[in-house]
Protein backbone atom coordinates (compact mmCIF):
# COMPACT_ATOMS: atom_id res chain seq x y z
CA UNK A 1 94.63 101.37 133.30
CA UNK A 2 91.14 102.71 132.84
CA UNK A 3 89.33 103.67 129.64
CA UNK A 4 89.89 107.42 130.03
CA UNK A 5 93.63 106.96 130.53
CA UNK A 6 93.80 104.67 127.48
CA UNK A 7 92.10 107.27 125.29
CA UNK A 8 94.46 109.99 126.52
CA UNK A 9 97.55 107.84 125.91
CA UNK A 10 96.45 107.02 122.36
CA UNK A 11 96.45 110.70 121.44
CA UNK A 12 100.27 110.56 121.56
CA UNK A 13 101.54 109.27 118.21
CA UNK A 14 104.95 108.62 119.77
CA UNK A 15 103.46 106.25 122.37
CA UNK A 16 105.48 103.03 122.43
CA UNK A 17 103.86 100.50 120.07
CA UNK A 18 104.00 97.83 122.76
CA UNK A 19 101.78 100.10 124.90
CA UNK A 20 99.42 100.68 121.93
CA UNK A 21 99.16 96.90 121.53
CA UNK A 22 98.50 96.47 125.26
CA UNK A 23 95.68 99.04 125.09
CA UNK A 24 94.23 97.36 122.00
CA UNK A 25 94.32 93.94 123.65
CA UNK A 26 92.75 95.25 126.85
CA UNK A 27 89.96 97.21 125.14
CA UNK A 28 89.41 95.09 122.01
CA UNK A 29 85.62 95.30 122.31
CA UNK A 30 85.49 99.08 122.81
CA UNK A 31 85.11 100.47 119.28
CA UNK A 32 86.03 104.02 120.31
CA UNK A 33 89.37 102.82 121.66
CA UNK A 34 89.85 100.49 118.68
CA UNK A 35 89.27 103.47 116.40
CA UNK A 36 91.80 105.52 118.37
CA UNK A 37 94.35 102.70 118.00
CA UNK A 38 93.78 102.77 114.22
CA UNK A 39 94.16 106.56 114.19
CA UNK A 40 97.32 106.36 116.29
CA UNK A 41 98.85 103.97 113.74
CA UNK A 42 97.79 106.23 110.86
CA UNK A 43 99.48 109.24 112.42
CA UNK A 44 102.76 107.32 112.62
CA UNK A 45 102.97 106.70 108.89
CA UNK A 46 103.63 108.85 105.88
CA UNK A 47 102.80 108.43 102.22
CA UNK A 48 106.08 110.24 101.49
CA UNK A 49 108.34 108.12 103.74
CA UNK A 50 107.12 104.55 103.45
CA UNK A 51 109.49 103.22 106.09
CA UNK A 52 108.34 105.72 108.74
CA UNK A 53 106.59 103.80 111.48
CA UNK A 54 107.48 100.37 110.13
CA UNK A 55 107.61 97.85 112.98
CA UNK A 56 106.49 94.23 113.53
CA UNK A 57 103.98 95.35 116.19
CA UNK A 58 102.53 97.86 113.69
CA UNK A 59 101.98 95.04 111.18
CA UNK A 60 100.46 92.78 113.84
CA UNK A 61 98.02 95.50 114.91
CA UNK A 62 97.06 96.27 111.30
CA UNK A 63 96.20 92.60 110.75
CA UNK A 64 94.03 92.56 113.87
CA UNK A 65 92.37 95.89 113.04
CA UNK A 66 91.41 94.57 109.60
CA UNK A 67 89.03 92.17 111.35
CA UNK A 68 87.09 94.69 113.47
CA UNK A 69 83.53 95.73 112.61
CA UNK A 70 84.42 99.44 112.89
CA UNK A 71 84.57 100.81 109.33
CA UNK A 72 86.90 103.65 110.35
CA UNK A 73 89.47 101.17 111.60
CA UNK A 74 89.35 99.14 108.38
CA UNK A 75 89.60 102.44 106.49
CA UNK A 76 92.81 103.28 108.37
CA UNK A 77 94.22 99.81 107.66
CA UNK A 78 93.34 100.05 103.95
CA UNK A 79 95.37 103.23 103.45
CA UNK A 80 98.33 102.32 105.66
CA UNK A 81 101.56 101.70 103.70
CA UNK A 82 102.56 98.97 106.17
CA UNK A 83 99.45 96.85 105.65
CA UNK A 84 100.45 93.40 104.40
CA UNK A 85 99.44 92.46 100.86
CA UNK A 86 97.18 89.61 101.98
CA UNK A 87 95.20 92.04 104.17
CA UNK A 88 94.86 94.48 101.27
CA UNK A 89 93.56 91.60 99.12
CA UNK A 90 90.98 90.81 101.80
CA UNK A 91 89.94 94.46 102.23
CA UNK A 92 89.63 94.77 98.44
CA UNK A 93 86.42 92.76 98.90
CA UNK A 94 85.09 94.87 101.78
CA UNK A 95 81.39 95.74 101.58
CA UNK A 96 82.13 99.42 102.27
CA UNK A 97 83.11 101.30 99.10
CA UNK A 98 85.31 103.78 100.97
CA UNK A 99 87.43 100.93 102.34
CA UNK A 100 87.82 99.53 98.81
CA UNK A 101 88.63 103.02 97.51
CA UNK A 102 91.44 103.39 100.03
CA UNK A 103 92.78 99.96 99.15
CA UNK A 104 92.81 101.19 95.53
CA UNK A 105 95.01 104.17 96.54
CA UNK A 106 97.49 102.05 98.49
CA UNK A 107 100.75 101.67 96.51
CA UNK A 108 101.17 98.15 97.93
CA UNK A 109 97.86 96.86 96.58
CA UNK A 110 98.45 93.97 94.17
CA UNK A 111 97.92 94.75 90.49
CA UNK A 112 95.22 92.08 90.13
CA UNK A 113 93.14 93.91 92.76
CA UNK A 114 93.54 97.17 90.85
CA UNK A 115 92.28 95.50 87.67
CA UNK A 116 89.29 94.11 89.61
CA UNK A 117 88.52 97.61 90.88
CA UNK A 118 88.24 98.97 87.35
CA UNK A 119 84.57 97.96 87.16
CA UNK A 120 83.79 99.12 90.70
CA UNK A 121 82.03 102.32 91.77
CA UNK A 122 83.36 105.76 90.80
CA UNK A 123 84.89 106.36 94.23
CA UNK A 124 86.96 103.18 93.86
CA UNK A 125 88.03 103.98 90.27
CA UNK A 126 89.08 107.38 91.57
CA UNK A 127 91.33 105.59 94.06
CA UNK A 128 93.10 103.69 91.27
CA UNK A 129 93.58 106.87 89.28
CA UNK A 130 95.77 108.31 92.05
CA UNK A 131 97.75 105.15 92.83
CA UNK A 132 101.41 105.70 91.84
CA UNK A 133 101.73 101.96 91.12
CA UNK A 134 98.64 101.68 88.93
CA UNK A 135 99.35 99.86 85.67
CA UNK A 136 99.70 102.23 82.72
CA UNK A 137 97.00 100.27 80.86
CA UNK A 138 94.48 101.09 83.60
CA UNK A 139 95.56 104.72 83.72
CA UNK A 140 95.01 104.98 79.97
CA UNK A 141 91.48 103.56 80.34
CA UNK A 142 90.74 105.80 83.33
CA UNK A 143 91.87 108.81 81.29
CA UNK A 144 88.67 108.25 79.30
CA UNK A 145 86.42 108.04 82.37
CA UNK A 146 83.25 110.12 82.27
CA UNK A 147 84.09 111.65 85.65
CA UNK A 148 86.43 114.63 85.42
CA UNK A 149 87.91 114.02 88.89
CA UNK A 150 89.05 110.56 87.84
CA UNK A 151 90.68 112.06 84.72
CA UNK A 152 92.25 114.83 86.83
CA UNK A 153 93.87 112.34 89.17
CA UNK A 154 95.18 110.38 86.18
CA UNK A 155 96.70 113.60 84.82
CA UNK A 156 98.36 114.26 88.19
CA UNK A 157 99.57 110.68 88.71
CA UNK A 158 103.38 110.37 88.34
CA UNK A 159 102.89 106.91 86.78
CA UNK A 160 100.76 108.17 83.89
CA UNK A 161 102.67 107.67 80.63
CA UNK A 162 103.46 110.52 78.27
CA UNK A 163 101.05 109.25 75.56
CA UNK A 164 98.12 109.37 78.00
CA UNK A 165 99.12 112.83 79.22
CA UNK A 166 99.29 114.05 75.62
CA UNK A 167 95.66 112.98 75.14
CA UNK A 168 94.60 114.54 78.45
CA UNK A 169 96.16 117.90 77.60
CA UNK A 170 93.27 118.29 75.13
CA UNK A 171 90.61 117.28 77.66
CA UNK A 172 87.30 119.18 77.56
CA UNK A 173 87.77 120.07 81.24
CA UNK A 174 90.31 122.90 81.61
CA UNK A 175 91.59 121.64 84.98
CA UNK A 176 92.34 118.19 83.55
CA UNK A 177 94.03 119.70 80.48
CA UNK A 178 96.12 122.04 82.64
CA UNK A 179 97.21 119.24 85.00
CA UNK A 180 98.29 117.12 82.01
CA UNK A 181 100.23 120.05 80.54
CA UNK A 182 102.02 120.60 83.86
CA UNK A 183 102.97 116.91 84.10
CA UNK A 184 104.20 116.92 80.50
CA UNK A 185 106.48 119.88 81.28
CA UNK A 186 107.79 118.05 84.37
CA UNK A 187 108.72 114.94 82.43
CA UNK A 188 110.17 116.90 79.52
């Protein structure tokens, strides 16, 4: 198989994972193809259906992709719901803030990583604020963040406790207040 054929095959998200692995192994040093492998894996997963796309070859490829120099590939691994915990822990220390931010959004990220992210850059804190498995203690602290987008995501997060939402419904930003009011109505 040549490079052009490999790129064309990777555009099909239903391509057999064994074939995706074969392409990755063959073209491991071609960062465009590596990036396409990462994208192919991303397209197979869903934040709404966590089991969609789950397969041992998927996990194996995610582990290998976490080691590549291509930031886009690590980004795709960081957000993937099938990424093993130990890989998320490693990517939580990535030098690229966007990779860390996506680790912060991943529901499988260990709680200790989320606590470590609390003092990270705004983009990373924003990731925690939208994580449905974020500890309520962190969500309460993030509800006081100076950035309105962080507070907005806390207000929209299904894990945010009622007490925090009650405070946010009086937020100085009308969008944050409205989001908190909507969530309060949803939870009763």
